[in-house]
Amino acid sequence: MNFPDNEKTVGFVVTEASTAADLQEMHRSISHMCADRVVVLSQQSFDVREAPLWPTLEDLFNGLTRHFVVESVASTELAELQRLSRAKNISILMPRPPLASGDATMPNAAIGAIKFALETEEGLEFLRAWLHGDFSAIRRDWPDAPENVFVGADPTHSN
């Protein structure tokens, strides 16, 4: 199913390894995004509706938006998620990996994001989108955003 261009559709991946804490983190992020639709991307080999965490997932997301759906995906590999995001008009949120000790990449991306926000219209909205990992919205709404705001922060960004 392709989702309408005039709606903000946000998706996230749920796997067998997902925890209630992961779901709560996604809920916090999505609740600030004013999404019209939430799509749970469940790998074909794992039916999230049969998982023990399904009641928690349903409780967290059912009342959050007008539409809450589960969509089966062949793979949760990054390239497949990027293709799916473009093809179906979904902003896919992915948990950020923790920074390694001494890794300065994320702070540099954060500094770049703050600098850009100070120079652009709707800078606060830009920062909200950046903070919540809504990089497809940033690419769509701020096409002039510099590459340094994505490097190390956007897991789908390729150098």
N, C-alpha and C. Protein backbone atom coordinates (compact mmCIF):
# COMPACT_ATOMS: atom_id res chain seq x y z
N MET A 1 0.84 -1.19 0.00
CA MET A 1 0.00 0.00 0.00
C MET A 1 0.88 1.24 0.00
N ASN A 2 0.60 2.16 -0.91
CA ASN A 2 1.29 3.46 -0.90
C ASN A 2 0.45 4.41 -0.07
N PHE A 3 1.12 5.24 0.68
CA PHE A 3 0.40 6.15 1.57
C PHE A 3 0.30 7.53 0.94
N PRO A 4 -0.78 8.26 1.21
CA PRO A 4 -1.03 9.55 0.56
C PRO A 4 0.08 10.57 0.81
N ASP A 5 0.37 11.36 -0.23
CA ASP A 5 1.38 12.42 -0.12
C ASP A 5 0.93 13.53 0.82
N ASN A 6 -0.38 13.71 0.97
CA ASN A 6 -0.89 14.81 1.78
C ASN A 6 -1.00 14.43 3.26
N GLU A 7 -0.54 13.26 3.62
CA GLU A 7 -0.53 12.84 5.02
C GLU A 7 0.91 12.57 5.45
N LYS A 8 1.17 12.82 6.72
CA LYS A 8 2.49 12.51 7.26
C LYS A 8 2.44 11.08 7.80
N THR A 9 3.17 10.20 7.13
CA THR A 9 3.19 8.79 7.51
C THR A 9 4.55 8.47 8.10
N VAL A 10 4.54 7.92 9.30
CA VAL A 10 5.76 7.57 10.01
C VAL A 10 5.75 6.07 10.27
N GLY A 11 6.86 5.43 9.96
CA GLY A 11 6.96 4.00 10.19
C GLY A 11 8.16 3.67 11.05
N PHE A 12 8.10 2.51 11.67
CA PHE A 12 9.25 2.02 12.43
C PHE A 12 9.25 0.50 12.39
N VAL A 13 10.43 -0.06 12.53
CA VAL A 13 10.63 -1.49 12.43
C VAL A 13 10.47 -2.13 13.80
N VAL A 14 9.75 -3.26 13.81
CA VAL A 14 9.65 -4.08 15.01
C VAL A 14 10.14 -5.47 14.64
N THR A 15 11.07 -5.98 15.43
CA THR A 15 11.61 -7.33 15.20
C THR A 15 11.43 -8.15 16.48
N GLU A 16 11.85 -9.39 16.41
CA GLU A 16 11.80 -10.27 17.59
C GLU A 16 12.62 -9.70 18.74
N ALA A 17 13.64 -8.91 18.41
CA ALA A 17 14.53 -8.35 19.43
C ALA A 17 13.98 -7.06 20.05
N SER A 18 12.90 -6.50 19.50
CA SER A 18 12.35 -5.24 20.02
C SER A 18 11.83 -5.43 21.44
N THR A 19 12.02 -4.39 22.24
CA THR A 19 11.58 -4.44 23.64
C THR A 19 10.52 -3.37 23.89
N ALA A 20 9.88 -3.45 25.03
CA ALA A 20 8.90 -2.42 25.41
C ALA A 20 9.58 -1.06 25.49
N ALA A 21 10.82 -1.01 25.94
CA ALA A 21 11.56 0.26 26.01
C ALA A 21 11.77 0.84 24.61
N ASP A 22 12.05 -0.03 23.62
CA ASP A 22 12.19 0.43 22.23
C ASP A 22 10.88 1.06 21.75
N LEU A 23 9.77 0.41 22.06
CA LEU A 23 8.46 0.91 21.64
C LEU A 23 8.15 2.25 22.31
N GLN A 24 8.48 2.37 23.56
CA GLN A 24 8.24 3.63 24.26
C GLN A 24 9.09 4.75 23.67
N GLU A 25 10.32 4.46 23.27
CA GLU A 25 11.18 5.46 22.63
C GLU A 25 10.56 5.91 21.31
N MET A 26 10.07 4.96 20.50
CA MET A 26 9.43 5.31 19.23
C MET A 26 8.16 6.12 19.48
N HIS A 27 7.41 5.74 20.49
CA HIS A 27 6.17 6.47 20.82
C HIS A 27 6.49 7.92 21.17
N ARG A 28 7.52 8.13 21.99
CA ARG A 28 7.92 9.49 22.36
C ARG A 28 8.28 10.30 21.12
N SER A 29 9.05 9.71 20.24
CA SER A 29 9.46 10.41 19.02
C SER A 29 8.26 10.74 18.14
N ILE A 30 7.43 9.76 17.90
CA ILE A 30 6.29 9.94 17.00
C ILE A 30 5.26 10.88 17.58
N SER A 31 5.09 10.89 18.89
CA SER A 31 4.06 11.76 19.49
C SER A 31 4.36 13.24 19.26
N HIS A 32 5.62 13.59 19.02
CA HIS A 32 5.99 14.98 18.75
C HIS A 32 5.94 15.34 17.27
N MET A 33 5.68 14.35 16.43
CA MET A 33 5.76 14.56 14.99
C MET A 33 4.42 14.89 14.32
N CYS A 34 3.32 14.82 15.05
CA CYS A 34 2.00 15.10 14.49
C CYS A 34 1.73 14.24 13.25
N ALA A 35 1.98 12.96 13.36
CA ALA A 35 1.78 12.05 12.23
C ALA A 35 0.30 11.76 12.04
N ASP A 36 -0.09 11.61 10.77
CA ASP A 36 -1.46 11.21 10.45
C ASP A 36 -1.60 9.69 10.50
N ARG A 37 -0.49 9.01 10.25
CA ARG A 37 -0.53 7.56 10.12
C ARG A 37 0.76 6.98 10.70
N VAL A 38 0.63 5.88 11.44
CA VAL A 38 1.78 5.16 11.96
C VAL A 38 1.76 3.76 11.33
N VAL A 39 2.91 3.37 10.77
CA VAL A 39 3.04 2.07 10.14
C VAL A 39 4.09 1.27 10.90
N VAL A 40 3.69 0.11 11.40
CA VAL A 40 4.64 -0.80 12.04
C VAL A 40 5.14 -1.73 10.95
N LEU A 41 6.44 -1.71 10.73
CA LEU A 41 7.05 -2.57 9.71
C LEU A 41 7.55 -3.83 10.39
N SER A 42 6.90 -4.94 10.08
CA SER A 42 7.20 -6.22 10.71
C SER A 42 7.79 -7.16 9.66
N GLN A 43 8.95 -7.72 9.95
CA GLN A 43 9.59 -8.62 9.00
C GLN A 43 8.67 -9.82 8.76
N GLN A 44 8.60 -10.28 7.49
CA GLN A 44 7.68 -11.35 7.11
C GLN A 44 7.83 -12.59 7.99
N SER A 45 9.03 -12.89 8.41
CA SER A 45 9.25 -14.09 9.24
C SER A 45 8.81 -13.90 10.69
N PHE A 46 8.36 -12.69 11.02
CA PHE A 46 7.97 -12.37 12.40
C PHE A 46 6.65 -11.59 12.36
N ASP A 47 5.57 -12.21 12.84
CA ASP A 47 4.28 -11.53 12.87
C ASP A 47 4.13 -10.82 14.21
N VAL A 48 4.29 -9.51 14.19
CA VAL A 48 4.26 -8.72 15.42
C VAL A 48 2.93 -8.88 16.16
N ARG A 49 1.84 -9.16 15.42
CA ARG A 49 0.52 -9.30 16.07
C ARG A 49 0.44 -10.56 16.92
N GLU A 50 1.37 -11.49 16.72
CA GLU A 50 1.41 -12.72 17.52
C GLU A 50 2.43 -12.63 18.65
N ALA A 51 3.18 -11.56 18.71
CA ALA A 51 4.26 -11.42 19.69
C ALA A 51 3.71 -11.00 21.06
N PRO A 52 4.43 -11.35 22.12
CA PRO A 52 4.00 -10.95 23.46
C PRO A 52 3.92 -9.43 23.64
N LEU A 53 4.70 -8.67 22.86
CA LEU A 53 4.68 -7.22 23.04
C LEU A 53 3.54 -6.54 22.27
N TRP A 54 2.72 -7.30 21.52
CA TRP A 54 1.65 -6.70 20.73
C TRP A 54 0.67 -5.87 21.57
N PRO A 55 0.19 -6.34 22.73
CA PRO A 55 -0.72 -5.50 23.52
C PRO A 55 -0.10 -4.15 23.90
N THR A 56 1.18 -4.15 24.24
CA THR A 56 1.88 -2.89 24.57
C THR A 56 1.93 -1.99 23.34
N LEU A 57 2.27 -2.56 22.21
CA LEU A 57 2.35 -1.82 20.96
C LEU A 57 0.99 -1.21 20.61
N GLU A 58 -0.03 -2.01 20.69
CA GLU A 58 -1.39 -1.54 20.38
C GLU A 58 -1.81 -0.40 21.32
N ASP A 59 -1.56 -0.59 22.61
CA ASP A 59 -1.93 0.44 23.59
C ASP A 59 -1.20 1.75 23.32
N LEU A 60 0.10 1.68 23.01
CA LEU A 60 0.90 2.88 22.80
C LEU A 60 0.47 3.66 21.55
N PHE A 61 0.19 2.96 20.46
CA PHE A 61 0.04 3.65 19.17
C PHE A 61 -1.38 3.79 18.66
N ASN A 62 -2.33 3.01 19.15
CA ASN A 62 -3.69 3.07 18.62
C ASN A 62 -4.31 4.45 18.73
N GLY A 63 -4.19 5.12 19.85
CA GLY A 63 -4.80 6.43 20.02
C GLY A 63 -3.94 7.59 19.57
N LEU A 64 -2.74 7.31 19.09
CA LEU A 64 -1.80 8.37 18.75
C LEU A 64 -2.13 9.06 17.43
N THR A 65 -2.67 8.30 16.47
CA THR A 65 -2.97 8.85 15.15
C THR A 65 -4.32 8.34 14.66
N ARG A 66 -4.76 8.89 13.53
CA ARG A 66 -6.02 8.42 12.94
C ARG A 66 -5.87 7.03 12.35
N HIS A 67 -4.67 6.68 11.90
CA HIS A 67 -4.45 5.40 11.25
C HIS A 67 -3.23 4.71 11.86
N PHE A 68 -3.43 3.45 12.23
CA PHE A 68 -2.35 2.64 12.78
C PHE A 68 -2.41 1.29 12.06
N VAL A 69 -1.36 0.97 11.30
CA VAL A 69 -1.37 -0.26 10.52
C VAL A 69 -0.07 -1.02 10.68
N VAL A 70 -0.15 -2.32 10.40
CA VAL A 70 1.04 -3.17 10.39
C VAL A 70 1.27 -3.56 8.94
N GLU A 71 2.50 -3.43 8.50
CA GLU A 71 2.86 -3.84 7.14
C GLU A 71 4.03 -4.79 7.21
N SER A 72 3.91 -5.89 6.49
CA SER A 72 4.95 -6.90 6.44
C SER A 72 6.02 -6.48 5.43
N VAL A 73 7.28 -6.61 5.81
CA VAL A 73 8.39 -6.28 4.91
C VAL A 73 9.28 -7.51 4.73
N ALA A 74 9.84 -7.62 3.53
CA ALA A 74 10.69 -8.77 3.22
C ALA A 74 11.98 -8.73 4.04
N SER A 75 12.49 -7.54 4.27
CA SER A 75 13.78 -7.42 4.93
C SER A 75 13.81 -6.12 5.73
N THR A 76 14.57 -6.13 6.80
CA THR A 76 14.77 -4.90 7.57
C THR A 76 16.18 -4.35 7.33
N GLU A 77 16.82 -4.80 6.25
CA GLU A 77 18.12 -4.27 5.87
C GLU A 77 17.96 -2.81 5.47
N LEU A 78 18.97 -2.02 5.71
CA LEU A 78 18.93 -0.58 5.47
C LEU A 78 18.54 -0.23 4.03
N ALA A 79 19.13 -0.89 3.05
CA ALA A 79 18.83 -0.58 1.64
C ALA A 79 17.35 -0.82 1.33
N GLU A 80 16.80 -1.89 1.87
CA GLU A 80 15.38 -2.21 1.64
C GLU A 80 14.49 -1.15 2.30
N LEU A 81 14.84 -0.71 3.50
CA LEU A 81 14.05 0.30 4.19
C LEU A 81 14.11 1.64 3.45
N GLN A 82 15.27 1.98 2.89
CA GLN A 82 15.39 3.21 2.10
C GLN A 82 14.49 3.14 0.88
N ARG A 83 14.50 2.00 0.18
CA ARG A 83 13.65 1.82 -1.00
C ARG A 83 12.18 1.93 -0.61
N LEU A 84 11.80 1.28 0.46
CA LEU A 84 10.42 1.30 0.94
C LEU A 84 10.00 2.72 1.32
N SER A 85 10.87 3.44 1.98
CA SER A 85 10.57 4.81 2.39
C SER A 85 10.23 5.68 1.19
N ARG A 86 11.03 5.58 0.14
CA ARG A 86 10.79 6.38 -1.07
C ARG A 86 9.54 5.90 -1.81
N ALA A 87 9.38 4.60 -1.95
CA ALA A 87 8.28 4.04 -2.74
C ALA A 87 6.92 4.27 -2.10
N LYS A 88 6.86 4.24 -0.79
CA LYS A 88 5.56 4.31 -0.12
C LYS A 88 5.30 5.61 0.62
N ASN A 89 6.24 6.55 0.52
CA ASN A 89 6.06 7.85 1.18
C ASN A 89 5.96 7.70 2.70
N ILE A 90 6.93 7.00 3.28
CA ILE A 90 6.98 6.78 4.73
C ILE A 90 8.28 7.36 5.26
N SER A 91 8.19 8.13 6.33
CA SER A 91 9.39 8.52 7.07
C SER A 91 9.66 7.41 8.07
N ILE A 92 10.76 6.71 7.90
CA ILE A 92 11.04 5.57 8.76
C ILE A 92 12.01 6.00 9.86
N LEU A 93 11.57 5.80 11.09
CA LEU A 93 12.41 6.11 12.24
C LEU A 93 13.19 4.87 12.63
N MET A 94 14.44 5.08 12.94
CA MET A 94 15.28 3.98 13.38
C MET A 94 16.00 4.43 14.64
N PRO A 95 16.11 3.56 15.62
CA PRO A 95 16.84 3.96 16.82
C PRO A 95 18.27 4.31 16.47
N ARG A 96 18.78 5.35 17.08
CA ARG A 96 20.17 5.73 16.83
C ARG A 96 21.09 4.82 17.62
N PRO A 97 22.15 4.35 16.97
CA PRO A 97 23.10 3.55 17.72
C PRO A 97 23.83 4.43 18.73
N PRO A 98 24.22 3.86 19.87
CA PRO A 98 24.95 4.67 20.84
C PRO A 98 26.29 5.10 20.27
N LEU A 99 26.74 6.26 20.69
CA LEU A 99 28.05 6.75 20.24
C LEU A 99 29.15 5.95 20.91
N ALA A 100 30.15 5.63 20.13
CA ALA A 100 31.31 4.96 20.68
C ALA A 100 32.11 5.99 21.48
N SER A 101 32.86 5.52 22.41
CA SER A 101 33.68 6.41 23.21
C SER A 101 34.63 7.19 22.31
N GLY A 102 34.63 8.49 22.44
CA GLY A 102 35.52 9.34 21.64
C GLY A 102 34.98 9.64 20.25
N ASP A 103 33.77 9.19 19.92
CA ASP A 103 33.18 9.43 18.59
C ASP A 103 32.61 10.84 18.55
N ALA A 104 33.15 11.68 17.68
CA ALA A 104 32.71 13.07 17.60
C ALA A 104 31.74 13.30 16.47
N THR A 105 31.30 12.25 15.78
CA THR A 105 30.44 12.41 14.61
C THR A 105 29.10 13.04 14.97
N MET A 106 28.40 12.48 15.96
CA MET A 106 27.08 12.98 16.31
C MET A 106 27.14 14.43 16.79
N PRO A 107 28.06 14.79 17.68
CA PRO A 107 28.11 16.19 18.06
C PRO A 107 28.34 17.12 16.87
N ASN A 108 29.17 16.71 15.90
CA ASN A 108 29.38 17.55 14.72
C ASN A 108 28.09 17.70 13.93
N ALA A 109 27.32 16.62 13.80
CA ALA A 109 26.03 16.70 13.10
C ALA A 109 25.08 17.61 13.88
N ALA A 110 25.11 17.51 15.20
CA ALA A 110 24.24 18.35 16.03
C ALA A 110 24.62 19.82 15.88
N ILE A 111 25.90 20.11 15.86
CA ILE A 111 26.35 21.49 15.67
C ILE A 111 25.91 22.00 14.30
N GLY A 112 26.07 21.16 13.28
CA GLY A 112 25.61 21.53 11.93
C GLY A 112 24.12 21.80 11.89
N ALA A 113 23.35 20.96 12.59
CA ALA A 113 21.89 21.14 12.62
C ALA A 113 21.51 22.44 13.32
N ILE A 114 22.17 22.75 14.41
CA ILE A 114 21.88 23.99 15.14
C ILE A 114 22.25 25.21 14.29
N LYS A 115 23.41 25.17 13.65
CA LYS A 115 23.82 26.29 12.79
C LYS A 115 22.83 26.50 11.66
N PHE A 116 22.41 25.41 11.02
CA PHE A 116 21.45 25.53 9.93
C PHE A 116 20.11 26.06 10.44
N ALA A 117 19.68 25.60 11.60
CA ALA A 117 18.40 26.04 12.16
C ALA A 117 18.40 27.55 12.44
N LEU A 118 19.55 28.08 12.83
CA LEU A 118 19.64 29.51 13.10
C LEU A 118 19.57 30.34 11.82
N GLU A 119 19.89 29.72 10.68
CA GLU A 119 19.93 30.45 9.41
C GLU A 119 18.70 30.27 8.54
N THR A 120 17.82 29.34 8.90
CA THR A 120 16.70 29.01 8.02
C THR A 120 15.36 29.40 8.64
N GLU A 121 14.36 29.54 7.78
CA GLU A 121 13.01 29.77 8.28
C GLU A 121 12.53 28.49 8.95
N GLU A 122 11.69 28.62 9.95
CA GLU A 122 11.16 27.47 10.69
C GLU A 122 12.28 26.60 11.26
N GLY A 123 13.29 27.27 11.80
CA GLY A 123 14.43 26.56 12.36
C GLY A 123 14.07 25.62 13.50
N LEU A 124 13.10 26.01 14.32
CA LEU A 124 12.69 25.16 15.43
C LEU A 124 12.04 23.88 14.92
N GLU A 125 11.22 23.99 13.87
CA GLU A 125 10.60 22.81 13.27
C GLU A 125 11.68 21.89 12.68
N PHE A 126 12.68 22.50 12.04
CA PHE A 126 13.79 21.73 11.50
C PHE A 126 14.48 20.94 12.62
N LEU A 127 14.78 21.62 13.73
CA LEU A 127 15.46 20.94 14.85
C LEU A 127 14.61 19.82 15.44
N ARG A 128 13.30 20.05 15.53
CA ARG A 128 12.41 18.98 16.02
C ARG A 128 12.51 17.76 15.12
N ALA A 129 12.42 17.99 13.81
CA ALA A 129 12.50 16.88 12.86
C ALA A 129 13.86 16.18 12.98
N TRP A 130 14.93 16.95 13.12
CA TRP A 130 16.27 16.37 13.23
C TRP A 130 16.38 15.54 14.52
N LEU A 131 15.92 16.10 15.62
CA LEU A 131 16.00 15.42 16.90
C LEU A 131 15.26 14.09 16.89
N HIS A 132 14.12 14.06 16.20
CA HIS A 132 13.30 12.85 16.17
C HIS A 132 13.65 11.94 15.01
N GLY A 133 14.72 12.27 14.30
CA GLY A 133 15.19 11.40 13.23
C GLY A 133 14.32 11.38 11.99
N ASP A 134 13.54 12.42 11.78
CA ASP A 134 12.66 12.48 10.60
C ASP A 134 13.43 13.10 9.43
N PHE A 135 14.44 12.36 8.95
CA PHE A 135 15.33 12.89 7.94
C PHE A 135 14.68 12.99 6.56
N SER A 136 13.66 12.14 6.28
CA SER A 136 12.98 12.29 4.99
C SER A 136 12.22 13.61 4.95
N ALA A 137 11.63 14.01 6.08
CA ALA A 137 10.94 15.31 6.13
C ALA A 137 11.95 16.44 5.95
N ILE A 138 13.12 16.30 6.53
CA ILE A 138 14.15 17.34 6.38
C ILE A 138 14.55 17.45 4.91
N ARG A 139 14.76 16.32 4.26
CA ARG A 139 15.13 16.36 2.83
C ARG A 139 14.01 16.98 1.99
N ARG A 140 12.77 16.72 2.36
CA ARG A 140 11.63 17.24 1.62
C ARG A 140 11.40 18.73 1.91
N ASP A 141 11.40 19.11 3.18
CA ASP A 141 11.02 20.48 3.57
C ASP A 141 12.19 21.46 3.61
N TRP A 142 13.41 20.96 3.75
CA TRP A 142 14.60 21.81 3.77
C TRP A 142 15.64 21.22 2.81
N PRO A 143 15.37 21.26 1.52
CA PRO A 143 16.29 20.65 0.56
C PRO A 143 17.68 21.28 0.54
N ASP A 144 17.79 22.49 1.10
CA ASP A 144 19.09 23.16 1.14
C ASP A 144 19.88 22.85 2.42
N ALA A 145 19.38 21.91 3.23
CA ALA A 145 20.11 21.53 4.45
C ALA A 145 21.46 20.93 4.06
N PRO A 146 22.52 21.35 4.73
CA PRO A 146 23.85 20.84 4.36
C PRO A 146 24.02 19.37 4.74
N GLU A 147 24.90 18.71 4.04
CA GLU A 147 25.13 17.28 4.26
C GLU A 147 25.58 16.98 5.69
N ASN A 148 26.31 17.92 6.30
CA ASN A 148 26.85 17.64 7.64
C ASN A 148 25.76 17.45 8.70
N VAL A 149 24.51 17.83 8.44
CA VAL A 149 23.45 17.57 9.43
C VAL A 149 23.00 16.12 9.38
N PHE A 150 23.37 15.39 8.32
CA PHE A 150 22.97 13.99 8.17
C PHE A 150 24.08 13.02 8.56
N VAL A 151 25.33 13.40 8.33
CA VAL A 151 26.46 12.49 8.54
C VAL A 151 26.56 12.10 10.01
N GLY A 152 26.41 10.81 10.27
CA GLY A 152 26.50 10.29 11.63
C GLY A 152 25.19 10.33 12.39
N ALA A 153 24.21 11.11 11.93
CA ALA A 153 22.93 11.20 12.63
C ALA A 153 21.85 10.39 11.92
N ASP A 154 21.87 10.38 10.59
CA ASP A 154 20.87 9.68 9.78
C ASP A 154 21.41 8.31 9.41
N PRO A 155 20.81 7.24 9.94
CA PRO A 155 21.34 5.91 9.64
C PRO A 155 21.17 5.51 8.17
N THR A 156 20.31 6.21 7.43
CA THR A 156 20.12 5.89 6.01
C THR A 156 21.04 6.71 5.11
N HIS A 157 21.80 7.63 5.68
CA HIS A 157 22.67 8.50 4.88
C HIS A 157 23.90 7.72 4.43
N SER A 158 24.20 7.81 3.13
CA SER A 158 25.43 7.19 2.64
C SER A 158 26.34 8.30 2.12
N ASN A 159 27.58 8.23 2.49
CA ASN A 159 28.55 9.27 2.11
C ASN A 159 28.89 9.22 0.65
